[in-house]
Structure formats: C-alpha cells, structure tokens
C-alpha cells in the first residue's frame, strides 16, 4: 500500500502554498505520470493507455502532452507550439 506524507511546498515566490501538497518520493515515475495526465483531463484508462502506447516512456509522454510536475505533485501543462518551417 502506498503511503503519502503531507508537507508544505513553496510557491514560485518562495512563500508556502495553500494547496494540499504531498511527498511523492515513494511513488514511481509511471504513477506520477498517470496522476499528472488525469489532472489535465484524461481518464485513468486514457492515461494508462497513453503510457502503454509510448512504451512506458515517461519523458516521451511528458513531451507529447506538454506536461511536467514538481516534487509536490503539482502538474504544469505547457502550451502547445508549432514550429515554423
């Protein structure tokens, strides 16, 4: 069973955040990736499928979906850009 410890994370300005933040050090990168995909709108099935279709390559999924996360579990979704050719 996964145990999560709550702790305070700092915002970008160095102040503590009001959000519920959790220590994700015991969570695998795959689990973190699935959680981040769910937070940006995918279902758990879609998130798991996204990883499976990309050979469980977390870095590739991050790049494809424009997502990342921090140690507190906050997800960032980067805007999609197009390259001018």
C-alpha atoms as a PDB file:
ATOM      1  CA  UNK A   1       0.000   0.000   0.000  1.00  0.00           C
ATOM      2  CA  UNK A   2       1.271   3.442  -0.929  1.00  0.00           C
ATOM      3  CA  UNK A   3       1.738   5.874   1.925  1.00  0.00           C
ATOM      4  CA  UNK A   4       1.793   9.566   1.190  1.00  0.00           C
ATOM      5  CA  UNK A   5       3.125  12.180   3.573  1.00  0.00           C
ATOM      6  CA  UNK A   6       1.751  15.698   3.514  1.00  0.00           C
ATOM      7  CA  UNK A   7       4.205  18.588   3.573  1.00  0.00           C
ATOM      8  CA  UNK A   8       4.379  22.255   2.659  1.00  0.00           C
ATOM      9  CA  UNK A   9       5.757  23.263  -0.706  1.00  0.00           C
ATOM     10  CA  UNK A  10       6.968  26.673  -1.687  1.00  0.00           C
ATOM     11  CA  UNK A  11       5.382  28.731  -4.425  1.00  0.00           C
ATOM     12  CA  UNK A  12       7.470  30.347  -7.149  1.00  0.00           C
ATOM     13  CA  UNK A  13       7.929  33.408  -4.939  1.00  0.00           C
ATOM     14  CA  UNK A  14       9.269  31.301  -2.055  1.00  0.00           C
ATOM     15  CA  UNK A  15       6.129  31.535   0.069  1.00  0.00           C
ATOM     16  CA  UNK A  16       4.268  28.473   1.298  1.00  0.00           C
ATOM     17  CA  UNK A  17       1.327  27.461  -0.852  1.00  0.00           C
ATOM     18  CA  UNK A  18      -2.241  26.904   0.351  1.00  0.00           C
ATOM     19  CA  UNK A  19      -2.626  23.778  -1.767  1.00  0.00           C
ATOM     20  CA  UNK A  20      -2.586  20.272  -0.357  1.00  0.00           C
ATOM     21  CA  UNK A  21       0.890  19.058  -1.204  1.00  0.00           C
ATOM     22  CA  UNK A  22       2.184  15.556  -0.747  1.00  0.00           C
ATOM     23  CA  UNK A  23       5.580  13.894  -0.644  1.00  0.00           C
ATOM     24  CA  UNK A  24       5.705  11.756  -3.762  1.00  0.00           C
ATOM     25  CA  UNK A  25       9.207  10.362  -3.213  1.00  0.00           C
ATOM     26  CA  UNK A  26       7.882   6.790  -2.878  1.00  0.00           C
ATOM     27  CA  UNK A  27       5.719   6.990  -5.990  1.00  0.00           C
ATOM     28  CA  UNK A  28       7.121   5.649  -9.260  1.00  0.00           C
ATOM     29  CA  UNK A  29       7.562   7.932 -12.249  1.00  0.00           C
ATOM     30  CA  UNK A  30       4.878   5.939 -14.073  1.00  0.00           C
ATOM     31  CA  UNK A  31       2.376   6.593 -11.274  1.00  0.00           C
ATOM     32  CA  UNK A  32       3.302  10.282 -11.209  1.00  0.00           C
ATOM     33  CA  UNK A  33       2.804  10.449 -14.971  1.00  0.00           C
ATOM     34  CA  UNK A  34      -0.626   8.810 -14.801  1.00  0.00           C
ATOM     35  CA  UNK A  35      -1.659  11.189 -12.000  1.00  0.00           C
ATOM     36  CA  UNK A  36      -0.480  14.218 -13.996  1.00  0.00           C
ATOM     37  CA  UNK A  37      -2.380  13.093 -17.098  1.00  0.00           C
ATOM     38  CA  UNK A  38      -5.527  12.651 -15.012  1.00  0.00           C
ATOM     39  CA  UNK A  39      -5.092  16.148 -13.568  1.00  0.00           C
ATOM     40  CA  UNK A  40      -5.054  17.618 -17.096  1.00  0.00           C
ATOM     41  CA  UNK A  41      -8.262  15.856 -18.075  1.00  0.00           C
ATOM     42  CA  UNK A  42      -7.582  12.274 -19.152  1.00  0.00           C
ATOM     43  CA  UNK A  43      -9.412   9.382 -17.539  1.00  0.00           C
ATOM     44  CA  UNK A  44      -7.318   6.813 -15.687  1.00  0.00           C
ATOM     45  CA  UNK A  45      -7.803   4.383 -18.577  1.00  0.00           C
ATOM     46  CA  UNK A  46      -6.713   7.012 -21.133  1.00  0.00           C
ATOM     47  CA  UNK A  47      -3.690   7.951 -19.024  1.00  0.00           C
ATOM     48  CA  UNK A  48      -2.567   4.331 -18.688  1.00  0.00           C
ATOM     49  CA  UNK A  49      -3.120   3.774 -22.402  1.00  0.00           C
ATOM     50  CA  UNK A  50      -1.052   6.857 -23.257  1.00  0.00           C
ATOM     51  CA  UNK A  51       1.873   5.354 -21.347  1.00  0.00           C
ATOM     52  CA  UNK A  52       1.440   1.890 -22.829  1.00  0.00           C
ATOM     53  CA  UNK A  53       1.229   3.201 -26.414  1.00  0.00           C
ATOM     54  CA  UNK A  54       4.503   5.042 -25.840  1.00  0.00           C
ATOM     55  CA  UNK A  55       6.344   2.038 -24.391  1.00  0.00           C
ATOM     56  CA  UNK A  56       6.004   3.415 -20.841  1.00  0.00           C
ATOM     57  CA  UNK A  57       8.459   6.178 -21.761  1.00  0.00           C
ATOM     58  CA  UNK A  58       7.605   8.912 -19.263  1.00  0.00           C
ATOM     59  CA  UNK A  59       9.802  11.544 -20.932  1.00  0.00           C
ATOM     60  CA  UNK A  60       8.110  10.947 -24.289  1.00  0.00           C
ATOM     61  CA  UNK A  61       4.637  11.215 -22.731  1.00  0.00           C
ATOM     62  CA  UNK A  62       5.680  14.442 -20.975  1.00  0.00           C
ATOM     63  CA  UNK A  63       6.769  15.879 -24.319  1.00  0.00           C
ATOM     64  CA  UNK A  64       3.705  14.649 -26.237  1.00  0.00           C
ATOM     65  CA  UNK A  65       1.205  16.032 -23.731  1.00  0.00           C
ATOM     66  CA  UNK A  66       3.235  19.096 -22.733  1.00  0.00           C
ATOM     67  CA  UNK A  67       3.146  18.204 -19.038  1.00  0.00           C
ATOM     68  CA  UNK A  68       5.515  18.124 -16.121  1.00  0.00           C
ATOM     69  CA  UNK A  69       5.197  18.005 -12.322  1.00  0.00           C
ATOM     70  CA  UNK A  70       7.154  19.013  -9.274  1.00  0.00           C
ATOM     71  CA  UNK A  71       8.069  17.155  -6.090  1.00  0.00           C
ATOM     72  CA  UNK A  72       4.798  18.305  -4.511  1.00  0.00           C
ATOM     73  CA  UNK A  73       2.675  16.715  -7.204  1.00  0.00           C
ATOM     74  CA  UNK A  74       1.633  19.964  -8.861  1.00  0.00           C
ATOM     75  CA  UNK A  75       1.145  19.496 -12.584  1.00  0.00           C
ATOM     76  CA  UNK A  76       2.147  22.048 -15.183  1.00  0.00           C
ATOM     77  CA  UNK A  77       0.756  21.837 -18.701  1.00  0.00           C
ATOM     78  CA  UNK A  78       2.818  23.771 -21.183  1.00  0.00           C
ATOM     79  CA  UNK A  79       1.149  25.425 -24.169  1.00  0.00           C
ATOM     80  CA  UNK A  80       1.484  23.568 -27.433  1.00  0.00           C
ATOM     81  CA  UNK A  81       3.624  25.309 -30.010  1.00  0.00           C
ATOM     82  CA  UNK A  82       4.133  24.726 -33.677  1.00  0.00           C
ATOM     83  CA  UNK A  83       7.422  25.016 -35.436  1.00  0.00           C
ATOM     84  CA  UNK A  84       7.533  27.311 -38.420  1.00  0.00           C
ATOM     85  CA  UNK A  85       9.015  25.608 -41.408  1.00  0.00           C
END
